[in-house]
Amino acid sequence: MATPLGVLDLVPISSGSTARQALHNSVDLARHAESLGYTRYWFAEHHLNPGVGGTSPAVLLALTAAETSTIRLGSGAVQMGHRTALSTVEEFGLLDALQKRLPCAGGVADGK
């Protein structure tokens, strides 16, 4: 039995590059991972870092879902201090209704 493989992507912005190019690179990487048989592609949310473009998991998931067809998509973390629980549930529910490839799970961090 093969081990399922996945990718965790922070959408890194390379030195001298732009956020736009980083988004394109991440979508390209997701397509490539899918073609290689990877089963999951996750985005992690991160803020206030000029080298990271992963600030909105829902937007990243929507962009990636439009360019892939089978790989399961998800968010490695959603920082609830930056949004309301209702808006998060609605965003991810809408994305799942469109694609049916977004596993949903919840957890609590200690905020440190």
Protein backbone atom coordinates (compact mmCIF):
# COMPACT_ATOMS: atom_id res chain seq x y z
CA MET A 1 0.00 0.00 0.00
CA ALA A 2 1.40 3.39 -1.01
CA THR A 3 1.85 6.15 1.52
CA PRO A 4 -0.39 9.13 0.68
CA LEU A 5 1.66 12.25 0.10
CA GLY A 6 0.71 15.88 0.55
CA VAL A 7 2.12 19.38 0.31
CA LEU A 8 1.94 22.19 2.87
CA ASP A 9 2.36 25.54 1.10
CA LEU A 10 2.98 28.94 2.70
CA VAL A 11 3.10 30.58 -0.76
CA PRO A 12 6.70 31.75 -0.42
CA ILE A 13 7.64 34.97 -2.19
CA SER A 14 11.16 34.55 -3.51
CA SER A 15 13.64 37.39 -3.23
CA GLY A 16 13.11 39.76 -6.14
CA SER A 17 9.74 38.21 -6.97
CA THR A 18 6.16 39.36 -6.38
CA ALA A 19 3.12 38.04 -4.55
CA ARG A 20 1.45 37.55 -7.93
CA GLN A 21 4.26 35.28 -9.11
CA ALA A 22 4.19 33.39 -5.80
CA LEU A 23 0.47 32.69 -6.29
CA HIS A 24 1.10 31.42 -9.81
CA ASN A 25 3.97 29.26 -8.53
CA SER A 26 1.76 27.72 -5.84
CA VAL A 27 -1.04 26.91 -8.27
CA ASP A 28 1.52 25.39 -10.65
CA LEU A 29 2.96 23.33 -7.80
CA ALA A 30 -0.52 22.07 -6.88
CA ARG A 31 -1.16 21.01 -10.48
CA HIS A 32 2.20 19.27 -10.60
CA ALA A 33 1.61 17.52 -7.24
CA GLU A 34 -1.76 16.33 -8.53
CA SER A 35 -0.18 14.96 -11.73
CA LEU A 36 2.36 13.04 -9.63
CA GLY A 37 -0.37 11.39 -7.57
CA TYR A 38 -0.16 13.44 -4.40
CA THR A 39 -3.41 13.16 -2.47
CA ARG A 40 -3.54 16.44 -0.52
CA TYR A 41 -2.50 20.05 -0.91
CA TRP A 42 -2.71 22.32 2.11
CA PHE A 43 -2.23 26.05 2.54
CA ALA A 44 -1.08 27.57 5.81
CA GLU A 45 -2.11 31.08 6.81
CA HIS A 46 0.64 33.47 7.84
CA HIS A 47 0.64 37.23 8.32
CA LEU A 48 3.07 40.15 8.56
CA ASN A 49 5.89 38.40 6.76
CA PRO A 50 6.99 39.98 3.46
CA GLY A 51 8.32 36.62 2.25
CA VAL A 52 5.03 34.75 2.65
CA GLY A 53 1.93 35.21 0.49
CA GLY A 54 -0.37 32.77 2.31
CA THR A 55 -2.59 35.34 4.00
CA SER A 56 -6.01 34.09 2.88
CA PRO A 57 -6.52 30.32 2.77
CA ALA A 58 -10.02 30.60 1.28
CA VAL A 59 -8.79 32.65 -1.68
CA LEU A 60 -5.84 30.32 -2.22
CA LEU A 61 -8.12 27.30 -2.10
CA ALA A 62 -10.54 28.83 -4.61
CA LEU A 63 -7.71 29.64 -7.04
CA THR A 64 -6.24 26.17 -6.70
CA ALA A 65 -9.57 24.35 -6.92
CA ALA A 66 -10.24 26.05 -10.24
CA GLU A 67 -6.95 24.69 -11.64
CA THR A 68 -7.02 21.14 -10.23
CA SER A 69 -9.60 18.35 -10.28
CA THR A 70 -8.81 15.46 -7.95
CA ILE A 71 -6.34 16.45 -5.25
CA ARG A 72 -7.90 17.11 -1.84
CA LEU A 73 -7.43 20.72 -0.77
CA GLY A 74 -7.32 22.17 2.70
CA SER A 75 -6.02 24.77 5.08
CA GLY A 76 -3.33 23.80 7.55
CA ALA A 77 -4.35 26.69 9.78
CA VAL A 78 -6.87 29.50 9.87
CA GLN A 79 -6.05 32.21 12.36
CA MET A 80 -9.39 32.96 13.96
CA GLY A 81 -8.09 36.12 15.60
CA HIS A 82 -8.20 37.75 12.17
CA ARG A 83 -11.81 36.90 11.26
CA THR A 84 -15.09 35.74 12.72
CA ALA A 85 -16.03 32.10 13.10
CA LEU A 86 -19.16 32.66 11.01
CA SER A 87 -17.28 34.17 8.06
CA THR A 88 -14.77 31.31 8.13
CA VAL A 89 -17.46 28.62 8.19
CA GLU A 90 -19.35 30.34 5.37
CA GLU A 91 -16.23 30.76 3.19
CA PHE A 92 -15.12 27.15 3.56
CA GLY A 93 -18.68 25.84 3.24
CA LEU A 94 -19.09 27.71 -0.05
CA LEU A 95 -15.79 26.36 -1.36
CA ASP A 96 -16.73 22.82 -0.37
CA ALA A 97 -20.14 23.17 -2.04
CA LEU A 98 -18.36 24.07 -5.28
CA GLN A 99 -15.64 21.42 -5.22
CA LYS A 100 -16.37 18.69 -2.62
CA ARG A 101 -12.63 18.30 -2.04
CA LEU A 102 -12.18 20.33 1.16
CA PRO A 103 -11.93 18.27 4.33
CA CYS A 104 -12.99 20.27 7.35
CA ALA A 105 -11.59 19.93 10.84
CA GLY A 106 -11.39 22.22 13.83
CA GLY A 107 -8.94 22.71 16.62
CA VAL A 108 -7.89 25.14 19.27
CA ALA A 109 -4.53 26.79 19.75
CA ASP A 110 -3.45 28.40 23.00
CA GLY A 111 -2.82 31.73 21.27
CA LYS A 112 0.82 32.02 22.28
